[in-house]
Structures are given as structure tokens and as C-alpha cells.
Amino acid sequence: MLVDYFEHRRPLTQVDKIKLVYGFRVVTSELKKFLVIYCIAIAFGLFWKMLLVQTGFLLVRQVAYGAHCSSFRTCLVVSSISFPFITWLSCSITYHFTRCWGSIFARSCHLVVYWSSEF
């Protein structure tokens, strides 16, 4: 149906049609995942906290690479469990503010030294 709508507006090649369908599937699957994850967050009262955690994740995501799931269902299950759990865990653990920043600084220095030795 979506392909027909765009086909009437301008002629599409077979590759354009495939790209259009694939892009639509990606957008709808991400929307589904977003809705499921945030419904879980709302159910546990973690909406604003998880929004903050996910914002931090999105800032690091582009440079961190990381593992990817083999299917959408696996990604949905892993994301639905991990994001609310990480948010709950970060809210539940009490930590000293100075110790937290000290460990982040120490880890950053370690990574800088490690990367500089690679080049």
C-alpha cells in the first residue's frame, strides 16, 4: 500500500521499492520497541529516569558499537529487559558522588593510555 502511494507520485525502480519497504519496516519496528520499553518503564514508575538513561545511551551508542541481536524479537526482549533493569539498578545503588566521578576519570585515563599505545 505504501509502495503504491509513492508509485503514483513518481515512478519507482525495483530497488527503490525494496528500500522503501525496508525503511518502513525499520521505522515501525523501532516504534514498536520504543512503545513496549516505555510502557514497561511507566508500569514500574521509571519513565523520566529511563528517558535520562536512554539519552545517555544514545550519546555513546554511535562510538561504542556493541553487540547486535540476530532478530527483531530477540532485540525487543533484550531491550525490554535491559533498559528498565539498568535504570532500576542505577536508581537502587547508592554511591558516593566523588567516588563515582573518580572512577570515571580513572577509566578515561586508562582508555587514553591504552589508545595512545595502539597508535
Protein backbone atom coordinates (compact mmCIF):
# COMPACT_ATOMS: atom_id res chain seq x y z
CA MET A 1 0.00 0.00 0.00
CA LEU A 2 2.82 2.39 0.89
CA VAL A 3 4.68 1.48 -2.30
CA ASP A 4 1.55 2.10 -4.37
CA TYR A 5 1.12 5.53 -2.79
CA PHE A 6 4.65 6.59 -3.75
CA GLU A 7 4.41 4.82 -7.11
CA HIS A 8 1.53 7.13 -8.08
CA ARG A 9 3.56 10.21 -7.12
CA ARG A 10 6.61 9.24 -9.20
CA PRO A 11 7.88 6.11 -10.92
CA LEU A 12 9.98 3.85 -8.71
CA THR A 13 12.55 1.25 -9.68
CA GLN A 14 12.52 -2.19 -8.09
CA VAL A 15 15.45 -1.18 -5.87
CA ASP A 16 13.57 1.95 -4.73
CA LYS A 17 10.58 -0.21 -3.81
CA ILE A 18 12.76 -2.57 -1.78
CA LYS A 19 14.42 0.35 0.01
CA LEU A 20 11.04 1.90 0.78
CA VAL A 21 9.63 -1.31 2.26
CA TYR A 22 12.80 -1.96 4.26
CA GLY A 23 12.86 1.59 5.63
CA PHE A 24 9.21 1.38 6.62
CA ARG A 25 9.84 -1.91 8.43
CA VAL A 26 12.80 -0.44 10.31
CA VAL A 27 10.81 2.60 11.43
CA THR A 28 7.79 0.55 12.53
CA SER A 29 9.93 -1.98 14.41
CA GLU A 30 11.77 0.78 16.27
CA LEU A 31 8.45 2.42 17.13
CA LYS A 32 7.12 -0.88 18.48
CA LYS A 33 10.26 -1.38 20.55
CA PHE A 34 10.05 2.18 21.89
CA LEU A 35 6.41 1.74 22.91
CA VAL A 36 7.00 -1.61 24.64
CA ILE A 37 10.06 -0.37 26.55
CA TYR A 38 8.38 2.82 27.73
CA CYS A 39 5.16 1.02 28.69
CA ILE A 40 7.30 -1.17 30.96
CA ALA A 41 9.03 1.93 32.31
CA ILE A 42 5.70 3.60 33.05
CA ALA A 43 4.44 0.43 34.76
CA PHE A 44 7.44 0.48 37.12
CA GLY A 45 7.45 4.26 37.58
CA LEU A 46 10.78 4.72 35.79
CA PHE A 47 9.72 6.82 32.81
CA TRP A 48 11.74 10.01 33.42
CA LYS A 49 14.73 8.14 34.80
CA MET A 50 14.81 5.77 31.86
CA LEU A 51 14.48 8.69 29.47
CA LEU A 52 17.65 10.07 31.02
CA VAL A 53 19.43 6.71 30.84
CA GLN A 54 18.43 6.21 27.23
CA THR A 55 19.55 9.73 26.30
CA GLY A 56 22.98 8.94 27.71
CA PHE A 57 22.96 5.64 25.83
CA LEU A 58 22.16 7.38 22.55
CA LEU A 59 25.08 9.77 23.02
CA VAL A 60 27.50 6.88 23.48
CA ARG A 61 25.87 4.49 21.02
CA GLN A 62 27.49 5.83 17.86
CA VAL A 63 31.05 5.38 19.11
CA ALA A 64 30.57 2.30 21.30
CA TYR A 65 29.45 -0.08 18.54
CA GLY A 66 28.44 -3.10 20.66
CA ALA A 67 26.56 -6.31 20.05
CA HIS A 68 23.51 -6.64 17.86
CA CYS A 69 20.75 -9.19 18.04
CA SER A 70 20.05 -11.55 15.19
CA SER A 71 16.30 -10.85 15.02
CA PHE A 72 13.80 -8.16 15.94
CA ARG A 73 12.14 -10.35 18.57
CA THR A 74 15.44 -11.01 20.32
CA CYS A 75 16.24 -7.30 20.24
CA LEU A 76 12.80 -6.49 21.64
CA VAL A 77 13.18 -8.96 24.51
CA VAL A 78 16.75 -7.93 25.35
CA SER A 79 15.93 -4.21 25.18
CA SER A 80 12.72 -4.61 27.15
CA ILE A 81 14.60 -6.32 29.95
CA SER A 82 17.91 -4.48 29.91
CA PHE A 83 16.84 -0.82 29.73
CA PRO A 84 14.33 -0.93 32.61
CA PHE A 85 16.68 -3.15 34.64
CA ILE A 86 19.69 -0.87 34.12
CA THR A 87 17.54 2.13 35.06
CA TRP A 88 16.19 0.41 38.17
CA LEU A 89 19.68 -0.75 39.13
CA SER A 90 21.18 2.71 38.72
CA CYS A 91 18.43 4.17 40.91
CA SER A 92 18.76 1.44 43.55
CA ILE A 93 22.51 1.51 44.04
CA THR A 94 23.70 4.17 46.44
CA TYR A 95 27.12 5.53 45.64
CA HIS A 96 29.31 8.35 46.73
CA PHE A 97 29.37 11.21 44.20
CA THR A 98 33.15 11.78 44.40
CA ARG A 99 33.94 8.08 44.11
CA CYS A 100 31.74 7.83 41.02
CA TRP A 101 33.45 10.70 39.20
CA GLY A 102 36.85 9.43 40.35
CA SER A 103 36.21 6.04 38.78
CA ILE A 104 35.02 7.64 35.55
CA PHE A 105 38.15 9.80 35.42
CA ALA A 106 40.41 6.82 36.16
CA ARG A 107 38.76 4.71 33.45
CA SER A 108 39.03 7.57 30.95
CA CYS A 109 42.73 7.94 31.70
CA HIS A 110 43.19 4.19 31.26
CA LEU A 111 41.48 4.28 27.85
CA VAL A 112 43.55 7.26 26.70
CA VAL A 113 46.77 5.49 27.68
CA TYR A 114 45.61 2.28 26.01
CA TRP A 115 44.59 4.03 22.77
CA SER A 116 47.77 6.06 22.60
CA SER A 117 49.83 2.87 22.86
CA GLU A 118 47.90 1.40 19.90
CA PHE A 119 48.95 4.19 17.56
